[in-house]
Amino acid sequence: MLPFLLDSRNIPFAVAITVLLGLLAIELMGAMVGFSAMRVGETDASVEVPDGELSPVSATFGWLYLGKIPIVAWLAIFAGAFGALGYALQSATAMRVPTVFVAGVAAIGGMICTRVAGGWLYRHVFRDETTAVSAESLVGHVAVVTLGRGVAGSPTQAKVRDPHGQTHYVLVEPEQPGAALEPGTEVILLRRDGPKYFAVSNSNEAIIALDQAGRAGDAGSRGPGEAPQPTETSSAT
């Protein structure tokens, strides 16, 4: 059995199971001190996203419940499903099928399992039905980056409180190209694309730089020698 588990053709599945066992070990050690790793990134209240407002990538994330349940729990589900399905397929085919093909099938099966299990966890464990807020209402609020480093195209997780005082964990990435959102950094949520928000560091320097970039963009949109449009002002009577 051990030679089969550690066979070079089963490395992707061995890594996945190792990740799962590592997360379970962290969960077990955390339970001894009253900490649950599986609840890191837990959503304390639901966020409603209107239909038809999701980009294809954001819709895929939503379908997989990525951003709706804690990332650690999501990773544990996918790693376990991917590893188990991979080993099962390798055993059923006597490892005669190329590993790349088996891994692809296992990944698809893992995503389906994650969708089913993630949906159950979202409805019965991690979702508080008492307070539902609009996702748009979180725009303009200050959030704190909680996991990893967020860069353009690679969002990270942040926590934010809604007007009701409930905590939400959302996916964020920097608004400005080349910027990065470091763990522990306070950010301002500027706009939303499905479950993902674009944010800027909550600092005077970042806000001034964003304002200057916006002014430069406005200037570039005008033709040569074209003056900016005057703004209407109202006088007190």
C-alpha atoms as a PDB file:
ATOM      1  CA  MET A   1       0.000   0.000   0.000  1.00  0.00           C
ATOM      2  CA  LEU A   2       2.737   2.481   0.933  1.00  0.00           C
ATOM      3  CA  PRO A   3       4.644   2.026  -2.368  1.00  0.00           C
ATOM      4  CA  PHE A   4       1.371   2.774  -4.207  1.00  0.00           C
ATOM      5  CA  LEU A   5       0.683   5.888  -2.134  1.00  0.00           C
ATOM      6  CA  LEU A   6       4.215   7.232  -2.624  1.00  0.00           C
ATOM      7  CA  ASP A   7       4.591   6.263  -6.267  1.00  0.00           C
ATOM      8  CA  SER A   8       5.915   9.135  -8.397  1.00  0.00           C
ATOM      9  CA  ARG A   9       2.780   8.957 -10.533  1.00  0.00           C
ATOM     10  CA  ASN A  10       0.727   9.782  -7.454  1.00  0.00           C
ATOM     11  CA  ILE A  11       2.703  12.845  -6.306  1.00  0.00           C
ATOM     12  CA  PRO A  12      -0.136  15.358  -6.979  1.00  0.00           C
ATOM     13  CA  PHE A  13      -2.536  13.320  -4.883  1.00  0.00           C
ATOM     14  CA  ALA A  14       0.012  12.700  -2.145  1.00  0.00           C
ATOM     15  CA  VAL A  15       0.625  16.441  -1.883  1.00  0.00           C
ATOM     16  CA  ALA A  16      -3.130  17.107  -1.663  1.00  0.00           C
ATOM     17  CA  ILE A  17      -3.603  14.557   1.122  1.00  0.00           C
ATOM     18  CA  THR A  18      -0.560  15.968   2.925  1.00  0.00           C
ATOM     19  CA  VAL A  19      -2.124  19.441   2.796  1.00  0.00           C
ATOM     20  CA  LEU A  20      -5.362  18.031   4.218  1.00  0.00           C
ATOM     21  CA  LEU A  21      -3.549  16.206   7.025  1.00  0.00           C
ATOM     22  CA  GLY A  22      -1.556  19.347   7.811  1.00  0.00           C
ATOM     23  CA  LEU A  23      -4.733  21.425   8.092  1.00  0.00           C
ATOM     24  CA  LEU A  24      -6.325  18.782  10.307  1.00  0.00           C
ATOM     25  CA  ALA A  25      -3.218  18.742  12.528  1.00  0.00           C
ATOM     26  CA  ILE A  26      -3.379  22.531  12.873  1.00  0.00           C
ATOM     27  CA  GLU A  27      -7.089  22.265  13.680  1.00  0.00           C
ATOM     28  CA  LEU A  28      -6.393  19.624  16.347  1.00  0.00           C
ATOM     29  CA  MET A  29      -3.643  21.696  17.970  1.00  0.00           C
ATOM     30  CA  GLY A  30      -5.806  24.797  17.777  1.00  0.00           C
ATOM     31  CA  ALA A  31      -8.666  23.003  19.504  1.00  0.00           C
ATOM     32  CA  MET A  32      -6.417  22.581  22.537  1.00  0.00           C
ATOM     33  CA  VAL A  33      -6.161  26.351  22.921  1.00  0.00           C
ATOM     34  CA  GLY A  34      -9.660  27.242  21.754  1.00  0.00           C
ATOM     35  CA  PHE A  35      -8.727  28.236  18.192  1.00  0.00           C
ATOM     36  CA  SER A  36     -10.280  26.829  15.034  1.00  0.00           C
ATOM     37  CA  ALA A  37      -8.245  27.156  11.850  1.00  0.00           C
ATOM     38  CA  MET A  38     -11.214  25.967   9.807  1.00  0.00           C
ATOM     39  CA  ARG A  39     -13.114  29.087  10.837  1.00  0.00           C
ATOM     40  CA  VAL A  40     -10.436  31.532   9.719  1.00  0.00           C
ATOM     41  CA  GLY A  41     -12.268  33.743   7.268  1.00  0.00           C
ATOM     42  CA  GLU A  42     -15.725  32.860   8.566  1.00  0.00           C
ATOM     43  CA  THR A  43     -18.531  35.031   7.251  1.00  0.00           C
ATOM     44  CA  ASP A  44     -20.675  36.199  10.163  1.00  0.00           C
ATOM     45  CA  ALA A  45     -23.432  37.552   7.922  1.00  0.00           C
ATOM     46  CA  SER A  46     -24.597  36.946   4.405  1.00  0.00           C
ATOM     47  CA  VAL A  47     -23.924  39.285   1.502  1.00  0.00           C
ATOM     48  CA  GLU A  48     -26.463  39.382  -1.294  1.00  0.00           C
ATOM     49  CA  VAL A  49     -25.077  39.824  -4.817  1.00  0.00           C
ATOM     50  CA  PRO A  50     -27.711  40.633  -7.462  1.00  0.00           C
ATOM     51  CA  ASP A  51     -27.937  38.238 -10.396  1.00  0.00           C
ATOM     52  CA  GLY A  52     -26.325  39.338 -13.637  1.00  0.00           C
ATOM     53  CA  GLU A  53     -23.622  41.451 -11.968  1.00  0.00           C
ATOM     54  CA  LEU A  54     -20.892  38.801 -11.855  1.00  0.00           C
ATOM     55  CA  SER A  55     -17.972  38.515 -14.239  1.00  0.00           C
ATOM     56  CA  PRO A  56     -17.198  34.956 -15.462  1.00  0.00           C
ATOM     57  CA  VAL A  57     -14.309  34.611 -12.987  1.00  0.00           C
ATOM     58  CA  SER A  58     -16.357  35.942 -10.084  1.00  0.00           C
ATOM     59  CA  ALA A  59     -19.287  33.723 -11.059  1.00  0.00           C
ATOM     60  CA  THR A  60     -16.965  30.708 -10.992  1.00  0.00           C
ATOM     61  CA  PHE A  61     -15.671  31.707  -7.551  1.00  0.00           C
ATOM     62  CA  GLY A  62     -19.249  32.071  -6.359  1.00  0.00           C
ATOM     63  CA  TRP A  63     -20.260  28.705  -7.822  1.00  0.00           C
ATOM     64  CA  LEU A  64     -17.402  27.084  -5.904  1.00  0.00           C
ATOM     65  CA  TYR A  65     -18.328  29.065  -2.752  1.00  0.00           C
ATOM     66  CA  LEU A  66     -14.842  30.585  -2.743  1.00  0.00           C
ATOM     67  CA  GLY A  67     -15.190  33.743  -0.665  1.00  0.00           C
ATOM     68  CA  LYS A  68     -18.446  32.527   0.885  1.00  0.00           C
ATOM     69  CA  ILE A  69     -16.906  30.004   3.278  1.00  0.00           C
ATOM     70  CA  PRO A  70     -13.507  30.286   5.027  1.00  0.00           C
ATOM     71  CA  ILE A  71     -10.605  29.773   2.637  1.00  0.00           C
ATOM     72  CA  VAL A  72      -8.964  27.230   4.968  1.00  0.00           C
ATOM     73  CA  ALA A  73     -12.129  25.108   5.065  1.00  0.00           C
ATOM     74  CA  TRP A  74     -12.512  25.436   1.279  1.00  0.00           C
ATOM     75  CA  LEU A  75      -8.914  24.320   0.719  1.00  0.00           C
ATOM     76  CA  ALA A  76      -9.335  21.335   3.049  1.00  0.00           C
ATOM     77  CA  ILE A  77     -12.433  20.157   1.160  1.00  0.00           C
ATOM     78  CA  PHE A  78     -10.841  20.497  -2.270  1.00  0.00           C
ATOM     79  CA  ALA A  79      -7.523  18.929  -1.228  1.00  0.00           C
ATOM     80  CA  GLY A  80      -9.274  15.951   0.358  1.00  0.00           C
ATOM     81  CA  ALA A  81     -11.613  15.397  -2.594  1.00  0.00           C
ATOM     82  CA  PHE A  82      -8.857  15.830  -5.189  1.00  0.00           C
ATOM     83  CA  GLY A  83      -6.470  13.480  -3.377  1.00  0.00           C
ATOM     84  CA  ALA A  84      -9.060  10.800  -2.675  1.00  0.00           C
ATOM     85  CA  LEU A  85     -10.458  10.825  -6.222  1.00  0.00           C
ATOM     86  CA  GLY A  86      -6.967  10.765  -7.695  1.00  0.00           C
ATOM     87  CA  TYR A  87      -5.914   7.726  -5.703  1.00  0.00           C
ATOM     88  CA  ALA A  88      -9.221   5.996  -6.473  1.00  0.00           C
ATOM     89  CA  LEU A  89      -8.795   6.554 -10.220  1.00  0.00           C
ATOM     90  CA  GLN A  90      -5.169   5.426 -10.149  1.00  0.00           C
ATOM     91  CA  SER A  91      -6.168   2.269  -8.307  1.00  0.00           C
ATOM     92  CA  ALA A  92      -9.066   1.568 -10.680  1.00  0.00           C
ATOM     93  CA  THR A  93      -6.863   1.978 -13.766  1.00  0.00           C
ATOM     94  CA  ALA A  94      -3.812   0.277 -12.268  1.00  0.00           C
ATOM     95  CA  MET A  95      -1.916   3.517 -12.984  1.00  0.00           C
ATOM     96  CA  ARG A  96      -1.988   2.823 -16.728  1.00  0.00           C
ATOM     97  CA  VAL A  97      -3.534   6.212 -17.550  1.00  0.00           C
ATOM     98  CA  PRO A  98      -1.272   9.294 -17.763  1.00  0.00           C
ATOM     99  CA  THR A  99      -1.135  11.171 -14.473  1.00  0.00           C
ATOM    100  CA  VAL A 100      -2.018  14.471 -16.160  1.00  0.00           C
ATOM    101  CA  PHE A 101      -5.323  13.038 -17.403  1.00  0.00           C
ATOM    102  CA  VAL A 102      -6.129  11.475 -14.028  1.00  0.00           C
ATOM    103  CA  ALA A 103      -5.279  14.732 -12.245  1.00  0.00           C
ATOM    104  CA  GLY A 104      -7.565  16.670 -14.593  1.00  0.00           C
ATOM    105  CA  VAL A 105     -10.495  14.340 -13.949  1.00  0.00           C
ATOM    106  CA  ALA A 106      -9.783  14.423 -10.204  1.00  0.00           C
ATOM    107  CA  ALA A 107      -9.651  18.231 -10.250  1.00  0.00           C
ATOM    108  CA  ILE A 108     -13.054  18.433 -11.945  1.00  0.00           C
ATOM    109  CA  GLY A 109     -14.469  15.917  -9.494  1.00  0.00           C
ATOM    110  CA  GLY A 110     -12.848  17.817  -6.624  1.00  0.00           C
ATOM    111  CA  MET A 111     -14.511  21.051  -7.702  1.00  0.00           C
ATOM    112  CA  ILE A 112     -17.898  19.340  -7.868  1.00  0.00           C
ATOM    113  CA  CYS A 113     -17.384  17.873  -4.385  1.00  0.00           C
ATOM    114  CA  THR A 114     -16.265  21.288  -3.127  1.00  0.00           C
ATOM    115  CA  ARG A 115     -19.377  22.869  -4.629  1.00  0.00           C
ATOM    116  CA  VAL A 116     -21.654  20.364  -2.859  1.00  0.00           C
ATOM    117  CA  ALA A 117     -19.838  20.345   0.496  1.00  0.00           C
ATOM    118  CA  GLY A 118     -19.187  24.093   0.398  1.00  0.00           C
ATOM    119  CA  GLY A 119     -22.859  24.775  -0.237  1.00  0.00           C
ATOM    120  CA  TRP A 120     -23.860  22.655   2.746  1.00  0.00           C
ATOM    121  CA  LEU A 121     -21.316  24.385   5.018  1.00  0.00           C
ATOM    122  CA  TYR A 122     -22.396  27.826   3.787  1.00  0.00           C
ATOM    123  CA  ARG A 123     -26.067  27.147   4.497  1.00  0.00           C
ATOM    124  CA  HIS A 124     -25.731  25.276   7.781  1.00  0.00           C
ATOM    125  CA  VAL A 125     -22.444  26.272   9.449  1.00  0.00           C
ATOM    126  CA  PHE A 126     -20.939  29.538   8.305  1.00  0.00           C
ATOM    127  CA  ARG A 127     -23.953  31.627   7.377  1.00  0.00           C
ATOM    128  CA  ASP A 128     -25.966  33.742   9.797  1.00  0.00           C
ATOM    129  CA  GLU A 129     -29.441  34.212   8.325  1.00  0.00           C
ATOM    130  CA  THR A 130     -30.379  36.990  10.765  1.00  0.00           C
ATOM    131  CA  THR A 131     -28.715  39.831   8.836  1.00  0.00           C
ATOM    132  CA  ALA A 132     -28.416  39.992   5.061  1.00  0.00           C
ATOM    133  CA  VAL A 133     -26.806  43.054   3.529  1.00  0.00           C
ATOM    134  CA  SER A 134     -26.190  44.241   0.006  1.00  0.00           C
ATOM    135  CA  ALA A 135     -22.670  43.603  -1.248  1.00  0.00           C
ATOM    136  CA  GLU A 136     -22.651  47.148  -2.598  1.00  0.00           C
ATOM    137  CA  SER A 137     -23.167  48.528   0.915  1.00  0.00           C
ATOM    138  CA  LEU A 138     -19.661  47.386   1.860  1.00  0.00           C
ATOM    139  CA  VAL A 139     -18.077  49.723  -0.713  1.00  0.00           C
ATOM    140  CA  GLY A 140     -16.464  52.679   1.044  1.00  0.00           C
ATOM    141  CA  HIS A 141     -15.845  50.750   4.265  1.00  0.00           C
ATOM    142  CA  VAL A 142     -12.427  50.093   5.771  1.00  0.00           C
ATOM    143  CA  ALA A 143     -11.282  46.466   5.766  1.00  0.00           C
ATOM    144  CA  VAL A 144      -8.208  44.691   7.152  1.00  0.00           C
ATOM    145  CA  VAL A 145      -6.221  42.196   5.058  1.00  0.00           C
ATOM    146  CA  THR A 146      -6.149  38.876   6.904  1.00  0.00           C
ATOM    147  CA  LEU A 147      -4.527  36.308   4.621  1.00  0.00           C
ATOM    148  CA  GLY A 148      -1.572  36.558   2.296  1.00  0.00           C
ATOM    149  CA  ARG A 149      -0.412  39.301  -0.049  1.00  0.00           C
ATOM    150  CA  GLY A 150      -2.860  40.638  -2.593  1.00  0.00           C
ATOM    151  CA  VAL A 151      -1.681  41.864  -6.004  1.00  0.00           C
ATOM    152  CA  ALA A 152      -3.439  42.579  -9.295  1.00  0.00           C
ATOM    153  CA  GLY A 153      -4.975  39.366 -10.592  1.00  0.00           C
ATOM    154  CA  SER A 154      -4.356  37.531  -7.320  1.00  0.00           C
ATOM    155  CA  PRO A 155      -6.836  38.635  -4.642  1.00  0.00           C
ATOM    156  CA  THR A 156      -6.401  38.005  -0.946  1.00  0.00           C
ATOM    157  CA  GLN A 157      -8.849  37.923   1.950  1.00  0.00           C
ATOM    158  CA  ALA A 158      -9.879  40.839   4.164  1.00  0.00           C
ATOM    159  CA  LYS A 159     -12.431  41.367   6.886  1.00  0.00           C
ATOM    160  CA  VAL A 160     -14.864  44.282   6.989  1.00  0.00           C
ATOM    161  CA  ARG A 161     -17.753  45.296   9.236  1.00  0.00           C
ATOM    162  CA  ASP A 162     -21.079  46.264   7.688  1.00  0.00           C
ATOM    163  CA  PRO A 163     -23.368  49.030   9.012  1.00  0.00           C
ATOM    164  CA  HIS A 164     -24.982  46.465  11.342  1.00  0.00           C
ATOM    165  CA  GLY A 165     -21.666  45.640  12.978  1.00  0.00           C
ATOM    166  CA  GLN A 166     -21.491  42.177  11.405  1.00  0.00           C
ATOM    167  CA  THR A 167     -18.124  40.962  10.115  1.00  0.00           C
ATOM    168  CA  HIS A 168     -17.680  39.783   6.523  1.00  0.00           C
ATOM    169  CA  TYR A 169     -14.632  38.192   4.909  1.00  0.00           C
ATOM    170  CA  VAL A 170     -14.239  39.271   1.294  1.00  0.00           C
ATOM    171  CA  LEU A 171     -11.745  38.906  -1.535  1.00  0.00           C
ATOM    172  CA  VAL A 172      -9.762  42.073  -2.297  1.00  0.00           C
ATOM    173  CA  GLU A 173      -7.079  43.114  -4.746  1.00  0.00           C
ATOM    174  CA  PRO A 174      -5.365  46.476  -5.258  1.00  0.00           C
ATOM    175  CA  GLU A 175      -7.015  49.096  -7.430  1.00  0.00           C
ATOM    176  CA  GLN A 176      -3.700  50.480  -8.657  1.00  0.00           C
ATOM    177  CA  PRO A 177      -1.479  48.425 -11.008  1.00  0.00           C
ATOM    178  CA  GLY A 178       1.774  47.424  -9.330  1.00  0.00           C
ATOM    179  CA  ALA A 179       0.421  47.986  -5.810  1.00  0.00           C
ATOM    180  CA  ALA A 180       0.220  45.244  -3.186  1.00  0.00           C
ATOM    181  CA  LEU A 181      -1.994  44.682  -0.144  1.00  0.00           C
ATOM    182  CA  GLU A 182       0.019  43.238   2.733  1.00  0.00           C
ATOM    183  CA  PRO A 183      -1.419  41.217   5.641  1.00  0.00           C
ATOM    184  CA  GLY A 184      -2.618  43.459   8.468  1.00  0.00           C
ATOM    185  CA  THR A 185      -2.979  46.477   6.182  1.00  0.00           C
ATOM    186  CA  GLU A 186      -6.101  48.624   6.439  1.00  0.00           C
ATOM    187  CA  VAL A 187      -7.697  49.165   3.029  1.00  0.00           C
ATOM    188  CA  ILE A 188     -10.670  51.076   1.661  1.00  0.00           C
ATOM    189  CA  LEU A 189     -13.084  49.117  -0.531  1.00  0.00           C
ATOM    190  CA  LEU A 190     -13.522  51.251  -3.662  1.00  0.00           C
ATOM    191  CA  ARG A 191     -15.630  49.118  -5.978  1.00  0.00           C
ATOM    192  CA  ARG A 192     -16.943  45.600  -6.401  1.00  0.00           C
ATOM    193  CA  ASP A 193     -16.805  42.943  -9.105  1.00  0.00           C
ATOM    194  CA  GLY A 194     -19.019  40.136  -7.837  1.00  0.00           C
ATOM    195  CA  PRO A 195     -17.552  38.770  -4.589  1.00  0.00           C
ATOM    196  CA  LYS A 196     -14.234  40.535  -5.297  1.00  0.00           C
ATOM    197  CA  TYR A 197     -13.515  44.106  -4.224  1.00  0.00           C
ATOM    198  CA  PHE A 198     -10.881  46.506  -5.480  1.00  0.00           C
ATOM    199  CA  ALA A 199      -9.216  48.417  -2.663  1.00  0.00           C
ATOM    200  CA  VAL A 200      -6.533  50.952  -1.835  1.00  0.00           C
ATOM    201  CA  SER A 201      -4.394  51.213   1.290  1.00  0.00           C
ATOM    202  CA  ASN A 202      -6.012  53.399   3.945  1.00  0.00           C
ATOM    203  CA  SER A 203      -3.151  55.901   3.998  1.00  0.00           C
ATOM    204  CA  ASN A 204      -2.791  59.497   2.890  1.00  0.00           C
ATOM    205  CA  GLU A 205      -0.059  58.589   0.401  1.00  0.00           C
ATOM    206  CA  ALA A 206      -2.127  55.893  -1.314  1.00  0.00           C
ATOM    207  CA  ILE A 207      -5.255  58.044  -1.456  1.00  0.00           C
ATOM    208  CA  ILE A 208      -3.330  61.024  -2.880  1.00  0.00           C
ATOM    209  CA  ALA A 209      -1.658  58.784  -5.475  1.00  0.00           C
ATOM    210  CA  LEU A 210      -5.052  57.368  -6.486  1.00  0.00           C
ATOM    211  CA  ASP A 211      -6.499  60.877  -6.771  1.00  0.00           C
ATOM    212  CA  GLN A 212      -3.571  62.023  -8.912  1.00  0.00           C
ATOM    213  CA  ALA A 213      -3.942  58.980 -11.150  1.00  0.00           C
ATOM    214  CA  GLY A 214      -7.623  59.789 -11.574  1.00  0.00           C
ATOM    215  CA  ARG A 215      -6.851  63.397 -12.487  1.00  0.00           C
ATOM    216  CA  ALA A 216      -4.227  62.255 -14.985  1.00  0.00           C
ATOM    217  CA  GLY A 217      -6.761  59.911 -16.539  1.00  0.00           C
ATOM    218  CA  ASP A 218      -9.297  62.728 -16.851  1.00  0.00           C
ATOM    219  CA  ALA A 219      -6.693  64.971 -18.472  1.00  0.00           C
ATOM    220  CA  GLY A 220      -5.716  62.245 -20.914  1.00  0.00           C
ATOM    221  CA  SER A 221      -9.340  61.764 -21.965  1.00  0.00           C
ATOM    222  CA  ARG A 222      -9.554  65.395 -23.159  1.00  0.00           C
ATOM    223  CA  GLY A 223      -8.243  66.484 -26.503  1.00  0.00           C
ATOM    224  CA  PRO A 224      -5.146  68.705 -26.912  1.00  0.00           C
ATOM    225  CA  GLY A 225      -5.863  72.221 -25.681  1.00  0.00           C
ATOM    226  CA  GLU A 226      -9.340  71.245 -24.467  1.00  0.00           C
ATOM    227  CA  ALA A 227     -10.176  72.860 -21.178  1.00  0.00           C
ATOM    228  CA  PRO A 228     -11.827  70.910 -18.375  1.00  0.00           C
ATOM    229  CA  GLN A 229     -15.574  71.299 -18.097  1.00  0.00           C
ATOM    230  CA  PRO A 230     -16.550  73.912 -15.531  1.00  0.00           C
ATOM    231  CA  THR A 231     -18.407  72.694 -12.508  1.00  0.00           C
ATOM    232  CA  GLU A 232     -21.728  74.213 -11.537  1.00  0.00           C
ATOM    233  CA  THR A 233     -21.806  76.067  -8.283  1.00  0.00           C
ATOM    234  CA  SER A 234     -24.807  77.277  -6.384  1.00  0.00           C
ATOM    235  CA  SER A 235     -24.892  80.524  -4.498  1.00  0.00           C
ATOM    236  CA  ALA A 236     -26.609  80.983  -1.213  1.00  0.00           C
ATOM    237  CA  THR A 237     -29.586  83.243  -1.296  1.00  0.00           C
END
